[in-house]
Amino acid sequence: MKKKLLALANPLGLLIYLIYTITNRFIIELPDSISIPTFLVSVILMLIGITYSGYCFGKHKNPYDFK
């Protein structure tokens, strides 16, 4: 379970950032009270995913191998 969450952190962070960007630019202007926490959560998830991928790369493992 932990491996799945760590492996999916990067795509989930990118998805949150993409939804935030599209919403903020094309649909409505989000207030700072919503946009700052959303941005921080997406960046933290992307950093966790990048770190886990680097850890797996160093161990010669595939981060998306859920066996």
N, C-alpha and C. Protein backbone atom coordinates (compact mmCIF):
# COMPACT_ATOMS: atom_id res chain seq x y z
N MET A 1 0.83 -1.19 0.00
CA MET A 1 0.00 0.00 0.00
C MET A 1 0.88 1.26 0.00
N LYS A 2 1.93 1.26 0.82
CA LYS A 2 2.81 2.43 0.90
C LYS A 2 3.52 2.66 -0.42
N LYS A 3 3.93 1.58 -1.09
CA LYS A 3 4.61 1.73 -2.38
C LYS A 3 3.69 2.34 -3.42
N LYS A 4 2.42 1.95 -3.41
CA LYS A 4 1.47 2.51 -4.38
C LYS A 4 1.27 4.00 -4.14
N LEU A 5 1.14 4.39 -2.87
CA LEU A 5 0.94 5.80 -2.57
C LEU A 5 2.16 6.62 -2.95
N LEU A 6 3.36 6.10 -2.66
CA LEU A 6 4.57 6.83 -3.00
C LEU A 6 4.76 6.92 -4.51
N ALA A 7 4.45 5.86 -5.22
CA ALA A 7 4.62 5.86 -6.68
C ALA A 7 3.61 6.78 -7.36
N LEU A 8 2.42 6.87 -6.80
CA LEU A 8 1.38 7.69 -7.43
C LEU A 8 1.39 9.14 -6.94
N ALA A 9 2.32 9.49 -6.06
CA ALA A 9 2.36 10.86 -5.54
C ALA A 9 2.71 11.86 -6.63
N ASN A 10 3.67 11.54 -7.50
CA ASN A 10 4.06 12.47 -8.55
C ASN A 10 2.94 12.70 -9.57
N PRO A 11 2.32 11.65 -10.12
CA PRO A 11 1.21 11.92 -11.05
C PRO A 11 0.03 12.62 -10.39
N LEU A 12 -0.23 12.30 -9.12
CA LEU A 12 -1.32 12.97 -8.41
C LEU A 12 -1.02 14.45 -8.21
N GLY A 13 0.22 14.77 -7.86
CA GLY A 13 0.62 16.17 -7.71
C GLY A 13 0.51 16.93 -9.02
N LEU A 14 0.93 16.29 -10.10
CA LEU A 14 0.81 16.94 -11.42
C LEU A 14 -0.65 17.14 -11.81
N LEU A 15 -1.50 16.17 -11.49
CA LEU A 15 -2.92 16.30 -11.80
C LEU A 15 -3.57 17.43 -11.00
N ILE A 16 -3.24 17.53 -9.73
CA ILE A 16 -3.78 18.61 -8.91
C ILE A 16 -3.31 19.96 -9.45
N TYR A 17 -2.04 20.06 -9.81
CA TYR A 17 -1.53 21.32 -10.35
C TYR A 17 -2.18 21.66 -11.69
N LEU A 18 -2.39 20.67 -12.54
CA LEU A 18 -3.03 20.90 -13.83
C LEU A 18 -4.47 21.39 -13.65
N ILE A 19 -5.22 20.76 -12.76
CA ILE A 19 -6.59 21.18 -12.51
C ILE A 19 -6.62 22.59 -11.92
N TYR A 20 -5.71 22.86 -11.00
CA TYR A 20 -5.61 24.20 -10.40
C TYR A 20 -5.31 25.25 -11.47
N THR A 21 -4.35 24.98 -12.35
CA THR A 21 -3.96 25.95 -13.36
C THR A 21 -5.09 26.21 -14.36
N ILE A 22 -5.72 25.15 -14.83
CA ILE A 22 -6.83 25.31 -15.78
C ILE A 22 -7.98 26.08 -15.15
N THR A 23 -8.31 25.74 -13.91
CA THR A 23 -9.40 26.43 -13.23
C THR A 23 -9.07 27.89 -13.00
N ASN A 24 -7.86 28.17 -12.58
CA ASN A 24 -7.48 29.54 -12.27
C ASN A 24 -7.38 30.41 -13.52
N ARG A 25 -6.96 29.86 -14.62
CA ARG A 25 -6.77 30.68 -15.82
C ARG A 25 -8.02 30.81 -16.68
N PHE A 26 -8.80 29.72 -16.81
CA PHE A 26 -9.87 29.72 -17.79
C PHE A 26 -11.28 29.75 -17.20
N ILE A 27 -11.47 29.27 -15.99
CA ILE A 27 -12.83 29.17 -15.46
C ILE A 27 -13.11 30.32 -14.50
N ILE A 28 -12.46 30.32 -13.33
CA ILE A 28 -12.63 31.40 -12.36
C ILE A 28 -11.29 31.74 -11.75
N GLU A 29 -11.17 32.92 -11.23
CA GLU A 29 -9.97 33.33 -10.50
C GLU A 29 -10.12 32.85 -9.06
N LEU A 30 -9.23 31.97 -8.64
CA LEU A 30 -9.30 31.42 -7.29
C LEU A 30 -8.70 32.40 -6.29
N PRO A 31 -9.33 32.51 -5.11
CA PRO A 31 -8.74 33.40 -4.09
C PRO A 31 -7.46 32.79 -3.52
N ASP A 32 -6.66 33.63 -2.89
CA ASP A 32 -5.39 33.17 -2.34
C ASP A 32 -5.55 32.12 -1.25
N SER A 33 -6.67 32.17 -0.53
CA SER A 33 -6.89 31.20 0.55
C SER A 33 -7.07 29.78 0.02
N ILE A 34 -7.41 29.65 -1.24
CA ILE A 34 -7.55 28.32 -1.87
C ILE A 34 -6.32 27.99 -2.70
N SER A 35 -5.81 28.97 -3.41
CA SER A 35 -4.74 28.69 -4.36
C SER A 35 -3.40 28.36 -3.69
N ILE A 36 -3.06 29.02 -2.61
CA ILE A 36 -1.76 28.76 -1.96
C ILE A 36 -1.70 27.36 -1.37
N PRO A 37 -2.70 26.90 -0.58
CA PRO A 37 -2.63 25.52 -0.08
C PRO A 37 -2.67 24.46 -1.18
N THR A 38 -3.46 24.72 -2.23
CA THR A 38 -3.51 23.78 -3.35
C THR A 38 -2.16 23.67 -4.03
N PHE A 39 -1.53 24.80 -4.25
CA PHE A 39 -0.21 24.81 -4.87
C PHE A 39 0.81 24.10 -3.99
N LEU A 40 0.79 24.36 -2.69
CA LEU A 40 1.74 23.72 -1.78
C LEU A 40 1.56 22.21 -1.72
N VAL A 41 0.31 21.75 -1.68
CA VAL A 41 0.05 20.30 -1.65
C VAL A 41 0.54 19.65 -2.93
N SER A 42 0.29 20.26 -4.07
CA SER A 42 0.73 19.67 -5.33
C SER A 42 2.26 19.63 -5.43
N VAL A 43 2.93 20.67 -4.98
CA VAL A 43 4.40 20.69 -5.02
C VAL A 43 4.97 19.65 -4.07
N ILE A 44 4.40 19.52 -2.88
CA ILE A 44 4.88 18.52 -1.92
C ILE A 44 4.69 17.11 -2.47
N LEU A 45 3.55 16.84 -3.08
CA LEU A 45 3.32 15.51 -3.67
C LEU A 45 4.30 15.23 -4.81
N MET A 46 4.57 16.24 -5.63
CA MET A 46 5.53 16.05 -6.71
C MET A 46 6.93 15.79 -6.17
N LEU A 47 7.33 16.49 -5.12
CA LEU A 47 8.65 16.26 -4.53
C LEU A 47 8.75 14.87 -3.90
N ILE A 48 7.69 14.40 -3.26
CA ILE A 48 7.69 13.05 -2.70
C ILE A 48 7.83 12.03 -3.82
N GLY A 49 7.09 12.21 -4.90
CA GLY A 49 7.17 11.29 -6.03
C GLY A 49 8.54 11.28 -6.69
N ILE A 50 9.14 12.45 -6.85
CA ILE A 50 10.47 12.54 -7.46
C ILE A 50 11.51 11.88 -6.55
N THR A 51 11.39 12.10 -5.25
CA THR A 51 12.33 11.50 -4.30
C THR A 51 12.21 9.98 -4.31
N TYR A 52 10.99 9.47 -4.32
CA TYR A 52 10.79 8.02 -4.35
C TYR A 52 11.31 7.42 -5.66
N SER A 53 11.10 8.10 -6.77
CA SER A 53 11.61 7.61 -8.04
C SER A 53 13.13 7.57 -8.04
N GLY A 54 13.77 8.58 -7.47
CA GLY A 54 15.22 8.59 -7.36
C GLY A 54 15.72 7.50 -6.45
N TYR A 55 15.00 7.22 -5.37
CA TYR A 55 15.37 6.14 -4.46
C TYR A 55 15.29 4.79 -5.18
N CYS A 56 14.22 4.59 -5.94
CA CYS A 56 14.07 3.33 -6.68
C CYS A 56 15.12 3.22 -7.79
N PHE A 57 15.46 4.34 -8.40
CA PHE A 57 16.49 4.33 -9.44
C PHE A 57 17.83 3.90 -8.86
N GLY A 58 18.14 4.36 -7.66
CA GLY A 58 19.38 3.99 -7.01
C GLY A 58 19.41 2.53 -6.62
N LYS A 59 18.24 1.95 -6.35
CA LYS A 59 18.15 0.54 -5.98
C LYS A 59 17.91 -0.36 -7.19
N HIS A 60 17.89 0.21 -8.40
CA HIS A 60 17.64 -0.51 -9.65
C HIS A 60 16.27 -1.19 -9.64
N LYS A 61 15.26 -0.45 -9.16
CA LYS A 61 13.89 -0.95 -9.13
C LYS A 61 13.02 -0.03 -9.98
N ASN A 62 11.90 -0.56 -10.42
CA ASN A 62 10.92 0.23 -11.15
C ASN A 62 9.92 0.79 -10.12
N PRO A 63 9.75 2.12 -10.02
CA PRO A 63 8.83 2.66 -9.02
C PRO A 63 7.37 2.32 -9.28
N TYR A 64 7.03 1.94 -10.51
CA TYR A 64 5.66 1.64 -10.85
C TYR A 64 5.40 0.14 -10.96
N ASP A 65 6.27 -0.68 -10.39
CA ASP A 65 6.09 -2.13 -10.36
C ASP A 65 5.37 -2.47 -9.06
N PHE A 66 4.08 -2.76 -9.15
CA PHE A 66 3.26 -2.97 -7.97
C PHE A 66 3.12 -4.44 -7.58
N LYS A 67 4.10 -5.25 -7.89
CA LYS A 67 4.02 -6.68 -7.55
C LYS A 67 4.29 -6.92 -6.11
